[in-house]
Amino acid sequence: MKAKVHITLKTGVLDPQGKAIEKSLDHLGFDGIGEVRQGKVIEIELAETDEAKARAAVEAMCRKLLANTVIENYAIELS
């Protein structure tokens, strides 16, 4: 089973990289760009075949290592 974890900063947390991307897009001539927020995607190959167990394992990974839950949100996609 494969897991994709999408990690983004929570609303209200400053995103300097997103702001830099936003300004760069403007300087490159892209019009109509609003606020830009950046994040990351982590792909994990799992040996687990039970979806509930796989989700529980990835949830634990996110809480313990992958995401700083004080300032970041995460969403898990299993396939």
PDB file of N, CA and C in Angstrom:
ATOM      1  N   MET A   1       0.855  -1.171   0.000  1.00  0.00           N
ATOM      2  CA  MET A   1       0.000   0.000   0.000  1.00  0.00           C
ATOM      3  C   MET A   1       0.901   1.235   0.000  1.00  0.00           C
ATOM      4  N   LYS A   2       0.434   2.289  -0.630  1.00  0.00           N
ATOM      5  CA  LYS A   2       1.195   3.535  -0.713  1.00  0.00           C
ATOM      6  C   LYS A   2       0.423   4.629   0.018  1.00  0.00           C
ATOM      7  N   ALA A   3       1.149   5.429   0.788  1.00  0.00           N
ATOM      8  CA  ALA A   3       0.548   6.567   1.484  1.00  0.00           C
ATOM      9  C   ALA A   3       1.193   7.848   0.978  1.00  0.00           C
ATOM     10  N   LYS A   4       0.359   8.853   0.775  1.00  0.00           N
ATOM     11  CA  LYS A   4       0.836  10.207   0.484  1.00  0.00           C
ATOM     12  C   LYS A   4       0.369  11.079   1.631  1.00  0.00           C
ATOM     13  N   VAL A   5       1.305  11.818   2.204  1.00  0.00           N
ATOM     14  CA  VAL A   5       0.985  12.724   3.298  1.00  0.00           C
ATOM     15  C   VAL A   5       1.206  14.144   2.797  1.00  0.00           C
ATOM     16  N   HIS A   6       0.147  14.935   2.800  1.00  0.00           N
ATOM     17  CA  HIS A   6       0.211  16.336   2.383  1.00  0.00           C
ATOM     18  C   HIS A   6       0.297  17.182   3.656  1.00  0.00           C
ATOM     19  N   ILE A   7       1.375  17.953   3.787  1.00  0.00           N
ATOM     20  CA  ILE A   7       1.594  18.757   4.985  1.00  0.00           C
ATOM     21  C   ILE A   7       1.609  20.229   4.599  1.00  0.00           C
ATOM     22  N   THR A   8       0.792  21.014   5.298  1.00  0.00           N
ATOM     23  CA  THR A   8       0.713  22.453   5.037  1.00  0.00           C
ATOM     24  C   THR A   8       0.698  23.204   6.364  1.00  0.00           C
ATOM     25  N   LEU A   9       1.101  24.453   6.311  1.00  0.00           N
ATOM     26  CA  LEU A   9       1.056  25.291   7.502  1.00  0.00           C
ATOM     27  C   LEU A   9      -0.392  25.622   7.842  1.00  0.00           C
ATOM     28  N   LYS A  10      -0.685  25.694   9.129  1.00  0.00           N
ATOM     29  CA  LYS A  10      -2.029  26.060   9.564  1.00  0.00           C
ATOM     30  C   LYS A  10      -2.307  27.516   9.207  1.00  0.00           C
ATOM     31  N   THR A  11      -3.583  27.840   9.050  1.00  0.00           N
ATOM     32  CA  THR A  11      -4.004  29.207   8.786  1.00  0.00           C
ATOM     33  C   THR A  11      -3.516  30.097   9.923  1.00  0.00           C
ATOM     34  N   GLY A  12      -2.967  31.227   9.571  1.00  0.00           N
ATOM     35  CA  GLY A  12      -2.477  32.160  10.576  1.00  0.00           C
ATOM     36  C   GLY A  12      -0.987  32.036  10.846  1.00  0.00           C
ATOM     37  N   VAL A  13      -0.374  30.934  10.408  1.00  0.00           N
ATOM     38  CA  VAL A  13       1.066  30.757  10.581  1.00  0.00           C
ATOM     39  C   VAL A  13       1.759  31.416   9.381  1.00  0.00           C
ATOM     40  N   LEU A  14       2.739  32.261   9.663  1.00  0.00           N
ATOM     41  CA  LEU A  14       3.450  32.943   8.579  1.00  0.00           C
ATOM     42  C   LEU A  14       4.142  31.928   7.674  1.00  0.00           C
ATOM     43  N   ASP A  15       4.091  32.204   6.367  1.00  0.00           N
ATOM     44  CA  ASP A  15       4.676  31.305   5.371  1.00  0.00           C
ATOM     45  C   ASP A  15       5.643  32.108   4.495  1.00  0.00           C
ATOM     46  N   PRO A  16       6.883  32.323   4.960  1.00  0.00           N
ATOM     47  CA  PRO A  16       7.824  33.138   4.178  1.00  0.00           C
ATOM     48  C   PRO A  16       8.149  32.552   2.810  1.00  0.00           C
ATOM     49  N   GLN A  17       8.200  31.217   2.691  1.00  0.00           N
ATOM     50  CA  GLN A  17       8.464  30.616   1.377  1.00  0.00           C
ATOM     51  C   GLN A  17       7.299  30.878   0.433  1.00  0.00           C
ATOM     52  N   GLY A  18       6.087  30.763   0.936  1.00  0.00           N
ATOM     53  CA  GLY A  18       4.916  31.058   0.112  1.00  0.00           C
ATOM     54  C   GLY A  18       4.924  32.499  -0.350  1.00  0.00           C
ATOM     55  N   LYS A  19       5.294  33.414   0.563  1.00  0.00           N
ATOM     56  CA  LYS A  19       5.362  34.834   0.214  1.00  0.00           C
ATOM     57  C   LYS A  19       6.426  35.079  -0.852  1.00  0.00           C
ATOM     58  N   ALA A  20       7.578  34.395  -0.761  1.00  0.00           N
ATOM     59  CA  ALA A  20       8.642  34.546  -1.763  1.00  0.00           C
ATOM     60  C   ALA A  20       8.174  34.031  -3.123  1.00  0.00           C
ATOM     61  N   ILE A  21       7.465  32.914  -3.134  1.00  0.00           N
ATOM     62  CA  ILE A  21       6.922  32.374  -4.392  1.00  0.00           C
ATOM     63  C   ILE A  21       5.926  33.358  -4.989  1.00  0.00           C
ATOM     64  N   GLU A  22       5.055  33.890  -4.131  1.00  0.00           N
ATOM     65  CA  GLU A  22       4.047  34.865  -4.571  1.00  0.00           C
ATOM     66  C   GLU A  22       4.707  36.066  -5.245  1.00  0.00           C
ATOM     67  N   LYS A  23       5.739  36.622  -4.613  1.00  0.00           N
ATOM     68  CA  LYS A  23       6.435  37.786  -5.176  1.00  0.00           C
ATOM     69  C   LYS A  23       7.153  37.431  -6.477  1.00  0.00           C
ATOM     70  N   SER A  24       7.758  36.257  -6.530  1.00  0.00           N
ATOM     71  CA  SER A  24       8.459  35.828  -7.746  1.00  0.00           C
ATOM     72  C   SER A  24       7.493  35.655  -8.906  1.00  0.00           C
ATOM     73  N   LEU A  25       6.332  35.082  -8.646  1.00  0.00           N
ATOM     74  CA  LEU A  25       5.329  34.923  -9.704  1.00  0.00           C
ATOM     75  C   LEU A  25       4.895  36.285 -10.232  1.00  0.00           C
ATOM     76  N   ASP A  26       4.719  37.240  -9.320  1.00  0.00           N
ATOM     77  CA  ASP A  26       4.347  38.598  -9.726  1.00  0.00           C
ATOM     78  C   ASP A  26       5.442  39.211 -10.587  1.00  0.00           C
ATOM     79  N   HIS A  27       6.695  39.068 -10.178  1.00  0.00           N
ATOM     80  CA  HIS A  27       7.820  39.625 -10.945  1.00  0.00           C
ATOM     81  C   HIS A  27       7.973  38.965 -12.307  1.00  0.00           C
ATOM     82  N   LEU A  28       7.539  37.721 -12.418  1.00  0.00           N
ATOM     83  CA  LEU A  28       7.601  37.018 -13.703  1.00  0.00           C
ATOM     84  C   LEU A  28       6.426  37.369 -14.614  1.00  0.00           C
ATOM     85  N   GLY A  29       5.529  38.225 -14.119  1.00  0.00           N
ATOM     86  CA  GLY A  29       4.444  38.706 -14.961  1.00  0.00           C
ATOM     87  C   GLY A  29       3.148  37.924 -14.846  1.00  0.00           C
ATOM     88  N   PHE A  30       3.036  37.037 -13.882  1.00  0.00           N
ATOM     89  CA  PHE A  30       1.786  36.302 -13.700  1.00  0.00           C
ATOM     90  C   PHE A  30       0.807  37.178 -12.925  1.00  0.00           C
ATOM     91  N   ASP A  31      -0.327  37.489 -13.560  1.00  0.00           N
ATOM     92  CA  ASP A  31      -1.321  38.364 -12.947  1.00  0.00           C
ATOM     93  C   ASP A  31      -2.374  37.543 -12.207  1.00  0.00           C
ATOM     94  N   GLY A  32      -3.058  38.195 -11.291  1.00  0.00           N
ATOM     95  CA  GLY A  32      -4.182  37.577 -10.606  1.00  0.00           C
ATOM     96  C   GLY A  32      -3.784  36.550  -9.559  1.00  0.00           C
ATOM     97  N   ILE A  33      -2.547  36.609  -9.091  1.00  0.00           N
ATOM     98  CA  ILE A  33      -2.099  35.668  -8.066  1.00  0.00           C
ATOM     99  C   ILE A  33      -2.462  36.234  -6.705  1.00  0.00           C
ATOM    100  N   GLY A  34      -3.197  35.470  -5.926  1.00  0.00           N
ATOM    101  CA  GLY A  34      -3.517  35.851  -4.553  1.00  0.00           C
ATOM    102  C   GLY A  34      -2.449  35.311  -3.624  1.00  0.00           C
ATOM    103  N   GLU A  35      -2.841  35.031  -2.412  1.00  0.00           N
ATOM    104  CA  GLU A  35      -1.893  34.490  -1.428  1.00  0.00           C
ATOM    105  C   GLU A  35      -1.402  33.112  -1.861  1.00  0.00           C
ATOM    106  N   VAL A  36      -0.114  32.869  -1.710  1.00  0.00           N
ATOM    107  CA  VAL A  36       0.483  31.571  -2.025  1.00  0.00           C
ATOM    108  C   VAL A  36       0.954  30.945  -0.721  1.00  0.00           C
ATOM    109  N   ARG A  37       0.570  29.697  -0.498  1.00  0.00           N
ATOM    110  CA  ARG A  37       1.019  28.925   0.664  1.00  0.00           C
ATOM    111  C   ARG A  37       1.688  27.677   0.121  1.00  0.00           C
ATOM    112  N   GLN A  38       2.821  27.322   0.660  1.00  0.00           N
ATOM    113  CA  GLN A  38       3.535  26.148   0.179  1.00  0.00           C
ATOM    114  C   GLN A  38       3.494  25.064   1.243  1.00  0.00           C
ATOM    115  N   GLY A  39       3.730  23.846   0.808  1.00  0.00           N
ATOM    116  CA  GLY A  39       3.740  22.716   1.729  1.00  0.00           C
ATOM    117  C   GLY A  39       4.658  21.638   1.184  1.00  0.00           C
ATOM    118  N   LYS A  40       4.449  20.429   1.660  1.00  0.00           N
ATOM    119  CA  LYS A  40       5.269  19.317   1.181  1.00  0.00           C
ATOM    120  C   LYS A  40       4.422  18.057   1.101  1.00  0.00           C
ATOM    121  N   VAL A  41       4.873  17.130   0.268  1.00  0.00           N
ATOM    122  CA  VAL A  41       4.226  15.832   0.116  1.00  0.00           C
ATOM    123  C   VAL A  41       5.266  14.765   0.409  1.00  0.00           C
ATOM    124  N   ILE A  42       4.903  13.825   1.255  1.00  0.00           N
ATOM    125  CA  ILE A  42       5.784  12.708   1.587  1.00  0.00           C
ATOM    126  C   ILE A  42       5.095  11.429   1.136  1.00  0.00           C
ATOM    127  N   GLU A  43       5.787  10.625   0.334  1.00  0.00           N
ATOM    128  CA  GLU A  43       5.245   9.342  -0.130  1.00  0.00           C
ATOM    129  C   GLU A  43       5.916   8.224   0.648  1.00  0.00           C
ATOM    130  N   ILE A  44       5.094   7.302   1.153  1.00  0.00           N
ATOM    131  CA  ILE A  44       5.599   6.191   1.958  1.00  0.00           C
ATOM    132  C   ILE A  44       5.033   4.886   1.406  1.00  0.00           C
ATOM    133  N   GLU A  45       5.906   3.945   1.113  1.00  0.00           N
ATOM    134  CA  GLU A  45       5.504   2.608   0.673  1.00  0.00           C
ATOM    135  C   GLU A  45       5.339   1.754   1.933  1.00  0.00           C
ATOM    136  N   LEU A  46       4.165   1.173   2.096  1.00  0.00           N
ATOM    137  CA  LEU A  46       3.860   0.375   3.284  1.00  0.00           C
ATOM    138  C   LEU A  46       3.655  -1.092   2.920  1.00  0.00           C
ATOM    139  N   ALA A  47       4.129  -1.994   3.770  1.00  0.00           N
ATOM    140  CA  ALA A  47       3.894  -3.425   3.568  1.00  0.00           C
ATOM    141  C   ALA A  47       2.483  -3.814   4.012  1.00  0.00           C
ATOM    142  N   GLU A  48       1.862  -2.975   4.823  1.00  0.00           N
ATOM    143  CA  GLU A  48       0.526  -3.250   5.355  1.00  0.00           C
ATOM    144  C   GLU A  48      -0.512  -3.289   4.239  1.00  0.00           C
ATOM    145  N   THR A  49      -1.436  -4.259   4.309  1.00  0.00           N
ATOM    146  CA  THR A  49      -2.503  -4.364   3.306  1.00  0.00           C
ATOM    147  C   THR A  49      -3.861  -3.949   3.870  1.00  0.00           C
ATOM    148  N   ASP A  50      -3.985  -3.895   5.187  1.00  0.00           N
ATOM    149  CA  ASP A  50      -5.236  -3.473   5.825  1.00  0.00           C
ATOM    150  C   ASP A  50      -5.260  -1.944   5.888  1.00  0.00           C
ATOM    151  N   GLU A  51      -6.269  -1.345   5.251  1.00  0.00           N
ATOM    152  CA  GLU A  51      -6.315   0.114   5.145  1.00  0.00           C
ATOM    153  C   GLU A  51      -6.398   0.794   6.506  1.00  0.00           C
ATOM    154  N   ALA A  52      -7.190   0.266   7.411  1.00  0.00           N
ATOM    155  CA  ALA A  52      -7.326   0.886   8.735  1.00  0.00           C
ATOM    156  C   ALA A  52      -6.001   0.855   9.500  1.00  0.00           C
ATOM    157  N   LYS A  53      -5.297  -0.267   9.425  1.00  0.00           N
ATOM    158  CA  LYS A  53      -4.000  -0.373  10.106  1.00  0.00           C
ATOM    159  C   LYS A  53      -2.968   0.544   9.456  1.00  0.00           C
ATOM    160  N   ALA A  54      -3.000   0.634   8.133  1.00  0.00           N
ATOM    161  CA  ALA A  54      -2.068   1.508   7.419  1.00  0.00           C
ATOM    162  C   ALA A  54      -2.315   2.962   7.796  1.00  0.00           C
ATOM    163  N   ARG A  55      -3.585   3.358   7.827  1.00  0.00           N
ATOM    164  CA  ARG A  55      -3.921   4.742   8.191  1.00  0.00           C
ATOM    165  C   ARG A  55      -3.473   5.039   9.619  1.00  0.00           C
ATOM    166  N   ALA A  56      -3.709   4.106  10.533  1.00  0.00           N
ATOM    167  CA  ALA A  56      -3.300   4.304  11.929  1.00  0.00           C
ATOM    168  C   ALA A  56      -1.778   4.451  12.039  1.00  0.00           C
ATOM    169  N   ALA A  57      -1.054   3.643  11.284  1.00  0.00           N
ATOM    170  CA  ALA A  57       0.410   3.718  11.311  1.00  0.00           C
ATOM    171  C   ALA A  57       0.895   5.065  10.782  1.00  0.00           C
ATOM    172  N   VAL A  58       0.319   5.515   9.679  1.00  0.00           N
ATOM    173  CA  VAL A  58       0.740   6.797   9.092  1.00  0.00           C
ATOM    174  C   VAL A  58       0.338   7.960   9.993  1.00  0.00           C
ATOM    175  N   GLU A  59      -0.827   7.876  10.627  1.00  0.00           N
ATOM    176  CA  GLU A  59      -1.237   8.901  11.606  1.00  0.00           C
ATOM    177  C   GLU A  59      -0.181   9.021  12.702  1.00  0.00           C
ATOM    178  N   ALA A  60       0.275   7.877  13.220  1.00  0.00           N
ATOM    179  CA  ALA A  60       1.298   7.877  14.267  1.00  0.00           C
ATOM    180  C   ALA A  60       2.600   8.488  13.747  1.00  0.00           C
ATOM    181  N   MET A  61       2.974   8.168  12.516  1.00  0.00           N
ATOM    182  CA  MET A  61       4.183   8.736  11.911  1.00  0.00           C
ATOM    183  C   MET A  61       4.081  10.264  11.831  1.00  0.00           C
ATOM    184  N   CYS A  62       2.905  10.740  11.445  1.00  0.00           N
ATOM    185  CA  CYS A  62       2.699  12.185  11.319  1.00  0.00           C
ATOM    186  C   CYS A  62       2.810  12.866  12.677  1.00  0.00           C
ATOM    187  N   ARG A  63       2.155  12.296  13.683  1.00  0.00           N
ATOM    188  CA  ARG A  63       2.175  12.896  15.020  1.00  0.00           C
ATOM    189  C   ARG A  63       3.568  12.867  15.646  1.00  0.00           C
ATOM    190  N   LYS A  64       4.328  11.796  15.378  1.00  0.00           N
ATOM    191  CA  LYS A  64       5.632  11.636  16.031  1.00  0.00           C
ATOM    192  C   LYS A  64       6.802  12.273  15.278  1.00  0.00           C
ATOM    193  N   LEU A  65       6.692  12.386  13.940  1.00  0.00           N
ATOM    194  CA  LEU A  65       7.853  12.849  13.177  1.00  0.00           C
ATOM    195  C   LEU A  65       7.536  13.745  11.983  1.00  0.00           C
ATOM    196  N   LEU A  66       6.609  13.344  11.151  1.00  0.00           N
ATOM    197  CA  LEU A  66       6.457  13.978   9.843  1.00  0.00           C
ATOM    198  C   LEU A  66       5.894  15.394   9.890  1.00  0.00           C
ATOM    199  N   ALA A  67       4.995  15.676  10.828  1.00  0.00           N
ATOM    200  CA  ALA A  67       4.359  16.993  10.887  1.00  0.00           C
ATOM    201  C   ALA A  67       4.541  17.598  12.274  1.00  0.00           C
ATOM    202  N   ASN A  68       4.752  18.891  12.300  1.00  0.00           N
ATOM    203  CA  ASN A  68       4.757  19.625  13.563  1.00  0.00           C
ATOM    204  C   ASN A  68       3.310  20.059  13.783  1.00  0.00           C
ATOM    205  N   THR A  69       2.571  19.282  14.549  1.00  0.00           N
ATOM    206  CA  THR A  69       1.123  19.498  14.667  1.00  0.00           C
ATOM    207  C   THR A  69       0.756  20.798  15.378  1.00  0.00           C
ATOM    208  N   VAL A  70       1.730  21.489  15.942  1.00  0.00           N
ATOM    209  CA  VAL A  70       1.459  22.794  16.539  1.00  0.00           C
ATOM    210  C   VAL A  70       1.203  23.818  15.434  1.00  0.00           C
ATOM    211  N   ILE A  71       1.956  23.725  14.340  1.00  0.00           N
ATOM    212  CA  ILE A  71       1.840  24.736  13.276  1.00  0.00           C
ATOM    213  C   ILE A  71       1.450  24.158  11.920  1.00  0.00           C
ATOM    214  N   GLU A  72       1.352  22.827  11.804  1.00  0.00           N
ATOM    215  CA  GLU A  72       1.069  22.218  10.506  1.00  0.00           C
ATOM    216  C   GLU A  72      -0.159  21.300  10.561  1.00  0.00           C
ATOM    217  N   ASN A  73      -0.870  21.271   9.440  1.00  0.00           N
ATOM    218  CA  ASN A  73      -1.947  20.314   9.214  1.00  0.00           C
ATOM    219  C   ASN A  73      -1.415  19.228   8.296  1.00  0.00           C
ATOM    220  N   TYR A  74      -2.023  18.061   8.355  1.00  0.00           N
ATOM    221  CA  TYR A  74      -1.651  17.010   7.411  1.00  0.00           C
ATOM    222  C   TYR A  74      -2.893  16.271   6.952  1.00  0.00           C
ATOM    223  N   ALA A  75      -2.812  15.742   5.736  1.00  0.00           N
ATOM    224  CA  ALA A  75      -3.886  14.921   5.169  1.00  0.00           C
ATOM    225  C   ALA A  75      -3.240  13.676   4.584  1.00  0.00           C
ATOM    226  N   ILE A  76      -3.869  12.536   4.835  1.00  0.00           N
ATOM    227  CA  ILE A  76      -3.333  11.258   4.396  1.00  0.00           C
ATOM    228  C   ILE A  76      -4.172  10.700   3.262  1.00  0.00           C
ATOM    229  N   GLU A  77      -3.500  10.239   2.220  1.00  0.00           N
ATOM    230  CA  GLU A  77      -4.126   9.623   1.044  1.00  0.00           C
ATOM    231  C   GLU A  77      -3.551   8.215   0.913  1.00  0.00           C
ATOM    232  N   LEU A  78      -4.386   7.203   0.917  1.00  0.00           N
ATOM    233  CA  LEU A  78      -3.907   5.823   0.756  1.00  0.00           C
ATOM    234  C   LEU A  78      -4.329   5.263  -0.597  1.00  0.00           C
ATOM    235  N   SER A  79      -3.453   4.479  -1.191  1.00  0.00           N
ATOM    236  CA  SER A  79      -3.802   3.824  -2.469  1.00  0.00           C
ATOM    237  C   SER A  79      -3.111   2.481  -2.553  1.00  0.00           C
TER     238      SER A  79
END
